């Protein structure tokens, strides 16, 4: 009778919702990836902003590239301070190249999609380079401390082996931290809208798309950061 028909419709509707949920989960997690909303299309003059970002990116590449070239070529600059400064320029050059070209190409092609694997890779590279810069800045502060407070023993404390150890430590620790954060973030089920309201794949905007409680993890990210 009517009750049986209502029960059947409810069961059938429930199954349809579950099927639709599984399809949305599958599509947003493994299939079509995400959509980076960025900042260009929402601005008043996207073309002008695109030109400004392009000019700034070219200036960043030129300045960091020239600094690396001068430090490498000029033997008088083969000292710990400039060695560390050259590594910082390299990290800056790579970090801007992880984000800017992708954003500009998306705007020019009117296609803001990024695959699941591409999003994970971009997150890993951004976290690694950002973390490496932070650690390197701490080592550069130590270098200046030794130069000011222990000038007579400077070349003992900052011998080439120590400098290379500092740089290697910055890269390795940042890489390990980045891969842990990336793997843990990307294991969440993303079953909501695929729009990432940001210029790149980062942890906070990506966690807003997860259909799970991420409050503790987000707090942990900020505290450790």
N, C-alpha and C. Protein backbone atom coordinates (compact mmCIF):
# COMPACT_ATOMS: atom_id res chain seq x y z
N UNK A 1 0.81 -1.19 0.00
CA UNK A 1 0.00 0.00 0.00
C UNK A 1 0.86 1.25 0.00
N UNK A 2 0.29 2.38 0.44
CA UNK A 2 1.02 3.65 0.46
C UNK A 2 2.26 3.60 1.34
N UNK A 3 2.15 2.89 2.50
CA UNK A 3 3.31 2.81 3.40
C UNK A 3 4.48 2.08 2.73
N UNK A 4 4.16 0.98 2.06
CA UNK A 4 5.20 0.23 1.36
C UNK A 4 5.84 1.07 0.26
N UNK A 5 4.98 1.83 -0.44
CA UNK A 5 5.50 2.68 -1.52
C UNK A 5 6.40 3.78 -0.94
N UNK A 6 5.98 4.37 0.20
CA UNK A 6 6.79 5.41 0.83
C UNK A 6 8.12 4.84 1.32
N UNK A 7 8.07 3.65 1.94
CA UNK A 7 9.27 3.00 2.42
C UNK A 7 10.23 2.72 1.26
N UNK A 8 9.67 2.22 0.16
CA UNK A 8 10.50 1.91 -1.02
C UNK A 8 11.15 3.17 -1.57
N UNK A 9 10.38 4.28 -1.62
CA UNK A 9 10.93 5.54 -2.13
C UNK A 9 12.05 6.06 -1.23
N UNK A 10 11.86 5.90 0.10
CA UNK A 10 12.89 6.37 1.04
C UNK A 10 14.17 5.57 0.88
N UNK A 11 14.03 4.24 0.77
CA UNK A 11 15.20 3.38 0.60
C UNK A 11 15.90 3.70 -0.71
N UNK A 12 15.08 3.82 -1.77
CA UNK A 12 15.66 4.12 -3.08
C UNK A 12 16.35 5.49 -3.08
N UNK A 13 15.71 6.48 -2.42
CA UNK A 13 16.31 7.82 -2.34
C UNK A 13 17.59 7.82 -1.54
N UNK A 14 17.61 7.04 -0.44
CA UNK A 14 18.81 6.94 0.37
C UNK A 14 19.96 6.33 -0.41
N UNK A 15 19.64 5.28 -1.19
CA UNK A 15 20.67 4.66 -2.00
C UNK A 15 21.21 5.62 -3.05
N UNK A 16 20.31 6.41 -3.63
CA UNK A 16 20.72 7.38 -4.64
C UNK A 16 21.65 8.43 -4.04
N UNK A 17 21.33 8.91 -2.81
CA UNK A 17 22.16 9.89 -2.15
C UNK A 17 23.54 9.32 -1.84
N UNK A 18 23.56 8.06 -1.36
CA UNK A 18 24.85 7.43 -1.07
C UNK A 18 25.68 7.27 -2.34
N UNK A 19 25.00 6.88 -3.42
CA UNK A 19 25.70 6.72 -4.69
C UNK A 19 26.24 8.05 -5.17
N UNK A 20 25.42 9.11 -5.04
CA UNK A 20 25.85 10.43 -5.46
C UNK A 20 27.02 10.91 -4.60
N UNK A 21 26.99 10.64 -3.28
CA UNK A 21 28.08 11.02 -2.38
C UNK A 21 29.37 10.32 -2.77
N UNK A 22 29.26 9.00 -3.07
CA UNK A 22 30.46 8.25 -3.46
C UNK A 22 31.03 8.79 -4.77
N UNK A 23 30.16 9.15 -5.71
CA UNK A 23 30.63 9.69 -6.98
C UNK A 23 31.31 11.04 -6.77
N UNK A 24 30.73 11.92 -5.91
CA UNK A 24 31.34 13.21 -5.65
C UNK A 24 32.69 13.04 -4.96
N UNK A 25 32.74 12.11 -4.01
CA UNK A 25 33.99 11.84 -3.30
C UNK A 25 35.06 11.35 -4.26
N UNK A 26 34.68 10.41 -5.13
CA UNK A 26 35.63 9.85 -6.09
C UNK A 26 36.12 10.92 -7.07
N UNK A 27 35.18 11.73 -7.60
CA UNK A 27 35.55 12.75 -8.58
C UNK A 27 36.48 13.79 -7.99
N UNK A 28 36.16 14.29 -6.78
CA UNK A 28 36.95 15.37 -6.21
C UNK A 28 38.27 14.89 -5.63
N UNK A 29 38.37 13.60 -5.29
CA UNK A 29 39.59 13.11 -4.68
C UNK A 29 40.56 12.56 -5.71
N UNK A 30 40.08 11.78 -6.64
CA UNK A 30 40.98 11.12 -7.57
C UNK A 30 40.78 11.52 -9.02
N UNK A 31 39.63 12.04 -9.34
CA UNK A 31 39.32 12.26 -10.75
C UNK A 31 39.72 13.61 -11.27
N UNK A 32 38.83 14.58 -11.16
CA UNK A 32 39.03 15.85 -11.84
C UNK A 32 39.87 16.84 -11.05
N UNK A 33 40.30 16.49 -9.86
CA UNK A 33 41.18 17.36 -9.10
C UNK A 33 40.47 18.56 -8.52
N UNK A 34 41.17 19.73 -8.53
CA UNK A 34 40.66 20.92 -7.87
C UNK A 34 40.67 22.10 -8.84
N UNK A 35 40.05 23.20 -8.39
CA UNK A 35 40.03 24.43 -9.16
C UNK A 35 40.62 25.54 -8.29
N UNK A 36 41.73 26.13 -8.75
CA UNK A 36 42.37 27.22 -8.03
C UNK A 36 41.71 28.53 -8.42
N UNK A 37 41.04 29.17 -7.48
CA UNK A 37 40.32 30.40 -7.76
C UNK A 37 41.27 31.57 -8.00
N UNK A 38 42.40 31.60 -7.26
CA UNK A 38 43.39 32.65 -7.46
C UNK A 38 42.90 34.02 -7.04
N UNK A 39 43.58 35.07 -7.56
CA UNK A 39 43.23 36.45 -7.21
C UNK A 39 43.01 37.31 -8.45
N UNK A 40 43.33 36.78 -9.62
CA UNK A 40 43.29 37.60 -10.82
C UNK A 40 41.86 37.90 -11.28
N UNK A 41 41.03 36.87 -11.39
CA UNK A 41 39.68 37.05 -11.93
C UNK A 41 38.78 37.88 -11.02
N UNK A 42 39.05 37.85 -9.72
CA UNK A 42 38.21 38.59 -8.79
C UNK A 42 38.63 40.05 -8.66
N UNK A 43 39.74 40.44 -9.29
CA UNK A 43 40.22 41.81 -9.17
C UNK A 43 39.49 42.71 -10.15
N UNK A 44 39.57 44.02 -9.92
CA UNK A 44 38.90 44.97 -10.79
C UNK A 44 39.51 45.05 -12.18
N UNK A 45 40.86 44.94 -12.24
CA UNK A 45 41.57 44.99 -13.52
C UNK A 45 42.50 43.78 -13.62
N UNK A 46 41.95 42.62 -13.99
CA UNK A 46 42.77 41.40 -14.01
C UNK A 46 43.93 41.47 -14.98
N UNK A 47 43.74 42.13 -16.13
CA UNK A 47 44.82 42.22 -17.12
C UNK A 47 45.99 43.03 -16.56
N UNK A 48 45.69 44.15 -15.92
CA UNK A 48 46.73 44.98 -15.33
C UNK A 48 47.46 44.24 -14.22
N UNK A 49 46.70 43.55 -13.37
CA UNK A 49 47.30 42.79 -12.28
C UNK A 49 48.18 41.67 -12.83
N UNK A 50 47.76 41.05 -13.92
CA UNK A 50 48.54 39.99 -14.55
C UNK A 50 49.87 40.54 -15.06
N UNK A 51 49.84 41.73 -15.67
CA UNK A 51 51.07 42.36 -16.16
C UNK A 51 52.00 42.69 -15.00
N UNK A 52 51.45 43.23 -13.91
CA UNK A 52 52.26 43.59 -12.75
C UNK A 52 52.93 42.36 -12.16
N UNK A 53 52.16 41.28 -12.00
CA UNK A 53 52.72 40.04 -11.44
C UNK A 53 53.80 39.48 -12.35
N UNK A 54 53.59 39.56 -13.67
CA UNK A 54 54.59 39.07 -14.61
C UNK A 54 55.88 39.87 -14.50
N UNK A 55 55.77 41.20 -14.41
CA UNK A 55 56.96 42.05 -14.29
C UNK A 55 57.70 41.76 -12.99
N UNK A 56 56.95 41.63 -11.89
CA UNK A 56 57.57 41.33 -10.60
C UNK A 56 58.26 39.97 -10.62
N UNK A 57 57.64 39.00 -11.28
CA UNK A 57 58.24 37.67 -11.38
C UNK A 57 59.54 37.71 -12.17
N UNK A 58 59.54 38.46 -13.29
CA UNK A 58 60.76 38.58 -14.09
C UNK A 58 61.85 39.30 -13.31
N UNK A 59 61.47 40.32 -12.53
CA UNK A 59 62.46 41.01 -11.69
C UNK A 59 63.04 40.07 -10.64
N UNK A 60 62.18 39.24 -10.05
CA UNK A 60 62.65 38.29 -9.03
C UNK A 60 63.63 37.28 -9.65
N UNK A 61 63.29 36.77 -10.84
CA UNK A 61 64.18 35.84 -11.52
C UNK A 61 65.50 36.50 -11.87
N UNK A 62 65.44 37.72 -12.38
CA UNK A 62 66.66 38.42 -12.80
C UNK A 62 67.56 38.74 -11.61
N UNK A 63 66.98 39.31 -10.56
CA UNK A 63 67.79 39.72 -9.41
C UNK A 63 68.42 38.52 -8.71
N UNK A 64 67.62 37.47 -8.49
CA UNK A 64 68.16 36.29 -7.82
C UNK A 64 69.16 35.56 -8.71
N UNK A 65 68.89 35.51 -10.02
CA UNK A 65 69.82 34.87 -10.94
C UNK A 65 71.14 35.59 -11.03
N UNK A 66 71.10 36.94 -11.11
CA UNK A 66 72.33 37.72 -11.17
C UNK A 66 73.13 37.60 -9.88
N UNK A 67 72.44 37.58 -8.76
CA UNK A 67 73.13 37.44 -7.47
C UNK A 67 73.84 36.09 -7.39
N UNK A 68 73.15 35.03 -7.82
CA UNK A 68 73.78 33.71 -7.84
C UNK A 68 74.99 33.69 -8.76
N UNK A 69 74.87 34.33 -9.93
CA UNK A 69 75.97 34.36 -10.89
C UNK A 69 77.18 35.10 -10.34
N UNK A 70 76.94 36.26 -9.73
CA UNK A 70 78.04 37.06 -9.18
C UNK A 70 78.74 36.32 -8.05
N UNK A 71 77.97 35.71 -7.17
CA UNK A 71 78.57 34.98 -6.04
C UNK A 71 79.38 33.79 -6.54
N UNK A 72 78.92 33.14 -7.60
CA UNK A 72 79.64 31.99 -8.14
C UNK A 72 80.92 32.39 -8.86
N UNK A 73 80.85 33.50 -9.62
CA UNK A 73 81.99 33.90 -10.47
C UNK A 73 83.07 34.62 -9.67
N UNK A 74 82.68 35.51 -8.78
CA UNK A 74 83.65 36.34 -8.05
C UNK A 74 84.23 35.54 -6.88
N UNK A 75 85.51 35.26 -6.95
CA UNK A 75 86.17 34.46 -5.90
C UNK A 75 86.21 35.20 -4.56
N UNK A 76 86.15 36.55 -4.59
CA UNK A 76 86.18 37.31 -3.35
C UNK A 76 84.91 37.11 -2.52
N UNK A 77 83.86 36.61 -3.17
CA UNK A 77 82.59 36.39 -2.47
C UNK A 77 82.43 34.94 -2.01
N UNK A 78 83.49 34.15 -2.13
CA UNK A 78 83.42 32.76 -1.67
C UNK A 78 83.69 32.68 -0.17
N UNK A 79 82.81 33.32 0.57
CA UNK A 79 82.88 33.34 2.04
C UNK A 79 81.53 32.87 2.56
N UNK A 80 81.46 32.44 3.83
CA UNK A 80 80.22 31.86 4.37
C UNK A 80 78.99 32.74 4.19
N UNK A 81 79.13 34.05 4.44
CA UNK A 81 77.95 34.92 4.38
C UNK A 81 77.33 34.91 2.98
N UNK A 82 78.16 35.03 1.95
CA UNK A 82 77.63 35.07 0.59
C UNK A 82 77.23 33.68 0.09
N UNK A 83 77.87 32.66 0.63
CA UNK A 83 77.45 31.30 0.29
C UNK A 83 76.01 31.06 0.75
N UNK A 84 75.73 31.44 1.99
CA UNK A 84 74.37 31.29 2.52
C UNK A 84 73.39 32.22 1.80
N UNK A 85 73.84 33.42 1.46
CA UNK A 85 72.98 34.35 0.73
C UNK A 85 72.64 33.80 -0.66
N UNK A 86 73.60 33.13 -1.29
CA UNK A 86 73.34 32.51 -2.58
C UNK A 86 72.31 31.40 -2.48
N UNK A 87 72.37 30.61 -1.43
CA UNK A 87 71.37 29.56 -1.22
C UNK A 87 69.98 30.15 -1.00
N UNK A 88 69.92 31.28 -0.28
CA UNK A 88 68.64 31.95 -0.06
C UNK A 88 68.06 32.45 -1.38
N UNK A 89 68.92 32.98 -2.25
CA UNK A 89 68.46 33.44 -3.56
C UNK A 89 67.93 32.28 -4.39
N UNK A 90 68.61 31.14 -4.31
CA UNK A 90 68.16 29.96 -5.03
C UNK A 90 66.78 29.51 -4.54
N UNK A 91 66.58 29.51 -3.24
CA UNK A 91 65.28 29.11 -2.68
C UNK A 91 64.19 30.10 -3.09
N UNK A 92 64.50 31.39 -3.07
CA UNK A 92 63.52 32.40 -3.50
C UNK A 92 63.14 32.20 -4.96
N UNK A 93 64.15 31.94 -5.80
CA UNK A 93 63.91 31.75 -7.23
C UNK A 93 62.99 30.55 -7.48
N UNK A 94 63.28 29.45 -6.78
CA UNK A 94 62.47 28.24 -6.95
C UNK A 94 61.07 28.41 -6.39
N UNK A 95 60.95 29.09 -5.25
CA UNK A 95 59.63 29.25 -4.62
C UNK A 95 58.70 30.06 -5.51
N UNK A 96 59.20 31.18 -6.07
CA UNK A 96 58.35 31.98 -6.94
C UNK A 96 57.98 31.21 -8.21
N UNK A 97 58.87 30.31 -8.65
CA UNK A 97 58.59 29.54 -9.86
C UNK A 97 57.58 28.43 -9.62
N UNK A 98 57.38 28.04 -8.38
CA UNK A 98 56.37 27.02 -8.05
C UNK A 98 54.97 27.59 -8.18
N UNK A 99 54.81 28.87 -7.86
CA UNK A 99 53.48 29.47 -7.78
C UNK A 99 53.13 30.32 -8.99
N UNK A 100 54.00 31.28 -9.34
CA UNK A 100 53.64 32.33 -10.31
C UNK A 100 53.34 31.83 -11.73
N UNK A 101 54.22 31.02 -12.36
CA UNK A 101 53.92 30.60 -13.74
C UNK A 101 52.60 29.86 -13.88
N UNK A 102 52.28 29.01 -12.92
CA UNK A 102 51.02 28.27 -12.96
C UNK A 102 49.83 29.22 -12.89
N UNK A 103 49.90 30.22 -12.00
CA UNK A 103 48.79 31.18 -11.86
C UNK A 103 48.62 32.01 -13.13
N UNK A 104 49.72 32.44 -13.72
CA UNK A 104 49.64 33.25 -14.94
C UNK A 104 49.11 32.44 -16.12
N UNK A 105 49.58 31.22 -16.27
CA UNK A 105 49.12 30.37 -17.37
C UNK A 105 47.64 30.03 -17.22
N UNK A 106 47.20 29.80 -16.00
CA UNK A 106 45.78 29.51 -15.77
C UNK A 106 44.91 30.69 -16.19
N UNK A 107 45.39 31.90 -15.88
CA UNK A 107 44.62 33.09 -16.24
C UNK A 107 44.59 33.29 -17.76
N UNK A 108 45.72 33.09 -18.42
CA UNK A 108 45.78 33.29 -19.87
C UNK A 108 44.97 32.24 -20.63
N UNK A 109 44.94 31.02 -20.10
CA UNK A 109 44.21 29.94 -20.77
C UNK A 109 42.77 29.82 -20.28
N UNK A 110 42.42 30.63 -19.28
CA UNK A 110 41.08 30.56 -18.65
C UNK A 110 40.78 29.15 -18.16
N UNK A 111 41.77 28.51 -17.60
CA UNK A 111 41.60 27.15 -17.07
C UNK A 111 42.35 27.04 -15.75
N UNK A 112 41.59 26.97 -14.66
CA UNK A 112 42.19 27.00 -13.33
C UNK A 112 42.28 25.63 -12.67
N UNK A 113 42.13 24.57 -13.41
CA UNK A 113 42.13 23.25 -12.80
C UNK A 113 43.55 22.79 -12.48
N UNK A 114 43.65 21.97 -11.45
CA UNK A 114 44.90 21.33 -11.08
C UNK A 114 44.57 19.92 -10.61
N UNK A 115 45.31 18.94 -11.05
CA UNK A 115 45.03 17.56 -10.71
C UNK A 115 45.32 17.28 -9.24
N UNK A 116 44.83 16.15 -8.76
CA UNK A 116 45.06 15.75 -7.38
C UNK A 116 46.56 15.61 -7.11
N UNK A 117 47.27 14.93 -8.03
CA UNK A 117 48.72 14.74 -7.88
C UNK A 117 49.45 16.08 -8.02
N UNK A 118 48.99 16.93 -8.96
CA UNK A 118 49.62 18.23 -9.14
C UNK A 118 49.45 19.11 -7.92
N UNK A 119 48.29 19.04 -7.29
CA UNK A 119 48.04 19.80 -6.06
C UNK A 119 48.96 19.33 -4.94
N UNK A 120 49.12 18.01 -4.81
CA UNK A 120 50.00 17.46 -3.78
C UNK A 120 51.45 17.88 -4.04
N UNK A 121 51.88 17.85 -5.31
CA UNK A 121 53.25 18.24 -5.65
C UNK A 121 53.48 19.71 -5.36
N UNK A 122 52.53 20.56 -5.74
CA UNK A 122 52.69 21.99 -5.49
C UNK A 122 52.74 22.28 -3.99
N UNK A 123 51.90 21.59 -3.22
CA UNK A 123 51.92 21.78 -1.77
C UNK A 123 53.26 21.35 -1.19
N UNK A 124 53.77 20.21 -1.63
CA UNK A 124 55.04 19.72 -1.12
C UNK A 124 56.18 20.69 -1.43
N UNK A 125 56.25 21.17 -2.67
CA UNK A 125 57.33 22.09 -3.06
C UNK A 125 57.24 23.41 -2.30
N UNK A 126 56.02 23.94 -2.14
CA UNK A 126 55.86 25.20 -1.42
C UNK A 126 56.25 25.05 0.04
N UNK A 127 55.82 23.96 0.67
CA UNK A 127 56.17 23.73 2.08
C UNK A 127 57.67 23.50 2.24
N UNK A 128 58.26 22.74 1.32
CA UNK A 128 59.69 22.44 1.41
C UNK A 128 60.52 23.71 1.26
N UNK A 129 60.23 24.51 0.22
CA UNK A 129 61.03 25.70 -0.03
C UNK A 129 60.80 26.77 1.04
N UNK A 130 59.54 26.91 1.49
CA UNK A 130 59.27 27.87 2.56
C UNK A 130 59.95 27.48 3.86
N UNK A 131 59.89 26.19 4.20
CA UNK A 131 60.55 25.71 5.42
C UNK A 131 62.06 25.83 5.33
N UNK A 132 62.62 25.51 4.17
CA UNK A 132 64.07 25.61 3.98
C UNK A 132 64.54 27.05 4.13
N UNK A 133 63.75 28.00 3.60
CA UNK A 133 64.10 29.41 3.75
C UNK A 133 64.12 29.82 5.22
N UNK A 134 63.12 29.39 5.98
CA UNK A 134 63.05 29.75 7.40
C UNK A 134 64.27 29.21 8.15
N UNK A 135 64.61 27.95 7.91
CA UNK A 135 65.76 27.36 8.58
C UNK A 135 67.06 28.03 8.16
N UNK A 136 67.17 28.34 6.88
CA UNK A 136 68.39 28.99 6.39
C UNK A 136 68.54 30.38 6.99
N UNK A 137 67.43 31.11 7.14
CA UNK A 137 67.51 32.43 7.77
C UNK A 137 68.01 32.33 9.22
N UNK A 138 67.62 31.26 9.91
CA UNK A 138 68.12 31.05 11.27
C UNK A 138 69.63 30.80 11.26
N UNK A 139 70.10 30.00 10.30
CA UNK A 139 71.54 29.75 10.19
C UNK A 139 72.29 31.02 9.79
N UNK A 140 71.68 31.85 8.95
CA UNK A 140 72.31 33.12 8.57
C UNK A 140 72.41 34.06 9.77
N UNK A 141 71.42 34.03 10.65
CA UNK A 141 71.49 34.82 11.88
C UNK A 141 72.63 34.34 12.77
N UNK A 142 72.81 33.02 12.85
CA UNK A 142 73.93 32.47 13.61
C UNK A 142 75.27 32.90 13.00
N UNK A 143 75.35 32.92 11.67
CA UNK A 143 76.56 33.35 10.98
C UNK A 143 76.91 34.78 11.36
N UNK A 144 75.92 35.67 11.39
CA UNK A 144 76.18 37.07 11.76
C UNK A 144 76.55 37.19 13.24
N UNK A 145 75.96 36.34 14.07
CA UNK A 145 76.30 36.35 15.49
C UNK A 145 77.77 35.99 15.69
N UNK A 146 78.22 34.95 15.00
CA UNK A 146 79.62 34.54 15.12
C UNK A 146 80.55 35.63 14.59
N UNK A 147 80.19 36.24 13.46
CA UNK A 147 81.03 37.27 12.87
C UNK A 147 81.19 38.48 13.79
N UNK A 148 80.13 38.82 14.55
CA UNK A 148 80.17 40.00 15.42
C UNK A 148 80.78 39.68 16.78
N UNK A 149 80.40 38.55 17.35
CA UNK A 149 80.80 38.23 18.72
C UNK A 149 82.09 37.42 18.81
N UNK A 150 82.44 36.69 17.74
CA UNK A 150 83.66 35.87 17.75
C UNK A 150 84.42 36.06 16.44
N UNK A 151 84.84 37.29 16.14
CA UNK A 151 85.47 37.55 14.83
C UNK A 151 86.78 36.80 14.62
N UNK A 152 87.55 36.60 15.69
CA UNK A 152 88.85 35.93 15.53
C UNK A 152 88.69 34.44 15.23
N UNK A 153 87.60 33.85 15.68
CA UNK A 153 87.36 32.42 15.45
C UNK A 153 86.31 32.18 14.36
N UNK A 154 86.02 33.22 13.59
CA UNK A 154 84.93 33.13 12.61
C UNK A 154 85.17 32.00 11.61
N UNK A 155 86.35 31.93 11.01
CA UNK A 155 86.63 30.93 9.99
C UNK A 155 86.76 29.52 10.59
N UNK A 156 86.86 29.44 11.91
CA UNK A 156 86.86 28.12 12.57
C UNK A 156 85.42 27.63 12.75
N UNK A 157 84.58 28.53 13.27
CA UNK A 157 83.18 28.17 13.49
C UNK A 157 82.42 28.01 12.17
N UNK A 158 82.80 28.81 11.17
CA UNK A 158 82.06 28.82 9.90
C UNK A 158 82.94 28.28 8.76
N UNK A 159 83.64 27.21 9.01
CA UNK A 159 84.44 26.59 7.96
C UNK A 159 83.52 25.98 6.89
N UNK A 160 84.03 25.72 5.69
CA UNK A 160 83.18 25.24 4.59
C UNK A 160 82.33 24.02 4.94
N UNK A 161 82.89 23.09 5.69
CA UNK A 161 82.14 21.89 6.03
C UNK A 161 80.90 22.23 6.87
N UNK A 162 81.04 23.18 7.78
CA UNK A 162 79.92 23.61 8.61
C UNK A 162 78.86 24.30 7.75
N UNK A 163 79.28 25.12 6.80
CA UNK A 163 78.33 25.82 5.92
C UNK A 163 77.52 24.83 5.10
N UNK A 164 78.21 23.84 4.52
CA UNK A 164 77.49 22.83 3.74
C UNK A 164 76.54 22.01 4.62
N UNK A 165 76.96 21.76 5.86
CA UNK A 165 76.10 21.03 6.80
C UNK A 165 74.84 21.83 7.12
N UNK A 166 74.98 23.14 7.27
CA UNK A 166 73.82 24.00 7.51
C UNK A 166 72.84 23.95 6.35
N UNK A 167 73.37 24.09 5.15
CA UNK A 167 72.50 24.08 3.97
C UNK A 167 71.81 22.73 3.81
N UNK A 168 72.57 21.64 3.98
CA UNK A 168 71.99 20.30 3.85
C UNK A 168 70.92 20.07 4.91
N UNK A 169 71.17 20.54 6.13
CA UNK A 169 70.19 20.39 7.20
C UNK A 169 68.90 21.12 6.88
N UNK A 170 69.02 22.33 6.35
CA UNK A 170 67.84 23.11 5.98
C UNK A 170 67.01 22.38 4.93
N UNK A 171 67.66 21.87 3.88
CA UNK A 171 66.95 21.17 2.81
C UNK A 171 66.32 19.87 3.30
N UNK A 172 67.08 19.08 4.06
CA UNK A 172 66.60 17.76 4.49
C UNK A 172 65.44 17.89 5.47
N UNK A 173 65.60 18.73 6.50
CA UNK A 173 64.52 18.88 7.49
C UNK A 173 63.26 19.45 6.85
N UNK A 174 63.44 20.41 5.95
CA UNK A 174 62.27 20.99 5.27
C UNK A 174 61.58 19.96 4.38
N UNK A 175 62.36 19.12 3.71
CA UNK A 175 61.77 18.09 2.85
C UNK A 175 61.00 17.06 3.65
N UNK A 176 61.57 16.62 4.77
CA UNK A 176 60.89 15.64 5.61
C UNK A 176 59.59 16.21 6.18
N UNK A 177 59.65 17.46 6.66
CA UNK A 177 58.46 18.10 7.20
C UNK A 177 57.39 18.25 6.12
N UNK A 178 57.81 18.66 4.93
CA UNK A 178 56.86 18.90 3.84
C UNK A 178 56.18 17.61 3.39
N UNK A 179 56.93 16.52 3.30
CA UNK A 179 56.32 15.28 2.82
C UNK A 179 55.34 14.72 3.85
N UNK A 180 55.63 14.90 5.13
CA UNK A 180 54.70 14.43 6.18
C UNK A 180 53.40 15.24 6.12
N UNK A 181 53.52 16.57 6.06
CA UNK A 181 52.33 17.42 6.00
C UNK A 181 51.52 17.15 4.73
N UNK A 182 52.21 16.98 3.62
CA UNK A 182 51.50 16.76 2.36
C UNK A 182 50.73 15.45 2.38
N UNK A 183 51.39 14.37 2.81
CA UNK A 183 50.74 13.06 2.83
C UNK A 183 49.56 13.05 3.79
N UNK A 184 49.72 13.69 4.95
CA UNK A 184 48.63 13.67 5.94
C UNK A 184 47.46 14.53 5.46
N UNK A 185 47.75 15.66 4.80
CA UNK A 185 46.68 16.53 4.32
C UNK A 185 45.90 15.87 3.19
N UNK A 186 46.61 15.26 2.25
CA UNK A 186 45.95 14.70 1.08
C UNK A 186 45.22 13.39 1.36
N UNK A 187 45.39 12.82 2.56
CA UNK A 187 44.65 11.59 2.86
C UNK A 187 43.23 11.85 3.33
N UNK A 188 42.89 13.12 3.57
CA UNK A 188 41.52 13.46 3.97
C UNK A 188 40.56 13.24 2.79
N UNK A 189 39.33 12.84 3.07
CA UNK A 189 38.34 12.73 2.00
C UNK A 189 37.80 14.10 1.61
N UNK A 190 37.93 14.46 0.35
CA UNK A 190 37.45 15.75 -0.14
C UNK A 190 36.15 15.52 -0.90
N UNK A 191 35.04 15.76 -0.23
CA UNK A 191 33.74 15.48 -0.84
C UNK A 191 32.89 16.72 -0.99
N UNK A 192 33.47 17.90 -0.80
CA UNK A 192 32.72 19.13 -0.96
C UNK A 192 33.11 19.78 -2.28
N UNK A 193 32.79 21.07 -2.44
CA UNK A 193 33.13 21.78 -3.67
C UNK A 193 34.65 21.74 -3.89
N UNK A 194 35.05 21.71 -5.16
CA UNK A 194 36.46 21.56 -5.49
C UNK A 194 37.18 22.90 -5.60
N UNK A 195 36.52 24.01 -5.31
CA UNK A 195 37.11 25.33 -5.48
C UNK A 195 38.04 25.67 -4.32
N UNK A 196 39.32 25.82 -4.60
CA UNK A 196 40.30 26.24 -3.60
C UNK A 196 40.45 27.75 -3.72
N UNK A 197 39.99 28.48 -2.73
CA UNK A 197 40.03 29.94 -2.80
C UNK A 197 41.41 30.44 -2.40
N UNK A 198 42.36 30.18 -3.26
CA UNK A 198 43.74 30.58 -3.00
C UNK A 198 44.51 30.53 -4.31
N UNK A 199 45.73 31.08 -4.28
CA UNK A 199 46.57 31.11 -5.47
C UNK A 199 47.27 29.79 -5.73
N UNK A 200 47.42 28.98 -4.68
CA UNK A 200 48.09 27.70 -4.80
C UNK A 200 47.48 26.71 -3.82
N UNK A 201 47.89 25.45 -3.93
CA UNK A 201 47.43 24.42 -3.01
C UNK A 201 48.19 24.54 -1.70
N UNK A 202 47.51 25.01 -0.67
CA UNK A 202 48.09 25.08 0.66
C UNK A 202 47.17 24.38 1.64
N UNK A 203 47.66 24.14 2.83
CA UNK A 203 46.93 23.32 3.80
C UNK A 203 45.62 23.96 4.26
N UNK A 204 45.60 25.21 4.78
CA UNK A 204 44.34 25.76 5.32
C UNK A 204 43.18 25.80 4.32
N UNK A 205 43.36 26.35 3.10
CA UNK A 205 42.21 26.36 2.18
C UNK A 205 41.80 24.97 1.72
N UNK A 206 42.75 24.04 1.67
CA UNK A 206 42.41 22.68 1.25
C UNK A 206 41.62 21.94 2.32
N UNK A 207 41.93 22.20 3.59
CA UNK A 207 41.21 21.54 4.67
C UNK A 207 39.74 21.97 4.74
N UNK A 208 39.43 23.16 4.19
CA UNK A 208 38.05 23.61 4.18
C UNK A 208 37.19 22.76 3.25
N UNK A 209 37.81 22.01 2.34
CA UNK A 209 37.07 21.16 1.42
C UNK A 209 36.88 19.74 1.95
N UNK A 210 37.54 19.43 3.06
CA UNK A 210 37.46 18.08 3.60
C UNK A 210 36.14 17.85 4.32
N UNK A 211 35.59 16.64 4.17
CA UNK A 211 34.34 16.31 4.87
C UNK A 211 34.67 15.49 6.12
N UNK A 212 35.59 16.02 6.92
CA UNK A 212 35.99 15.40 8.19
C UNK A 212 36.41 16.52 9.14
N UNK A 213 36.47 16.19 10.42
CA UNK A 213 36.88 17.18 11.42
C UNK A 213 38.39 17.38 11.34
N UNK A 214 38.80 18.58 10.93
CA UNK A 214 40.23 18.87 10.75
C UNK A 214 40.72 19.92 11.75
N UNK A 215 39.93 20.25 12.75
CA UNK A 215 40.28 21.36 13.65
C UNK A 215 41.57 21.08 14.42
N UNK A 216 41.74 19.86 14.92
CA UNK A 216 42.95 19.54 15.68
C UNK A 216 44.19 19.58 14.79
N UNK A 217 44.04 19.02 13.62
CA UNK A 217 45.18 19.02 12.69
C UNK A 217 45.54 20.44 12.26
N UNK A 218 44.54 21.27 12.02
CA UNK A 218 44.79 22.65 11.62
C UNK A 218 45.49 23.41 12.74
N UNK A 219 45.07 23.17 13.98
CA UNK A 219 45.74 23.81 15.12
C UNK A 219 47.18 23.34 15.22
N UNK A 220 47.40 22.05 14.99
CA UNK A 220 48.77 21.51 15.03
C UNK A 220 49.65 22.16 13.96
N UNK A 221 49.07 22.37 12.78
CA UNK A 221 49.83 23.00 11.68
C UNK A 221 50.28 24.41 12.08
N UNK A 222 49.37 25.19 12.65
CA UNK A 222 49.70 26.56 13.04
C UNK A 222 50.72 26.59 14.17
N UNK A 223 50.57 25.70 15.16
CA UNK A 223 51.48 25.68 16.29
C UNK A 223 52.89 25.28 15.84
N UNK A 224 53.00 24.20 15.06
CA UNK A 224 54.32 23.78 14.59
C UNK A 224 54.92 24.80 13.62
N UNK A 225 54.04 25.46 12.83
CA UNK A 225 54.54 26.50 11.94
C UNK A 225 55.14 27.66 12.71
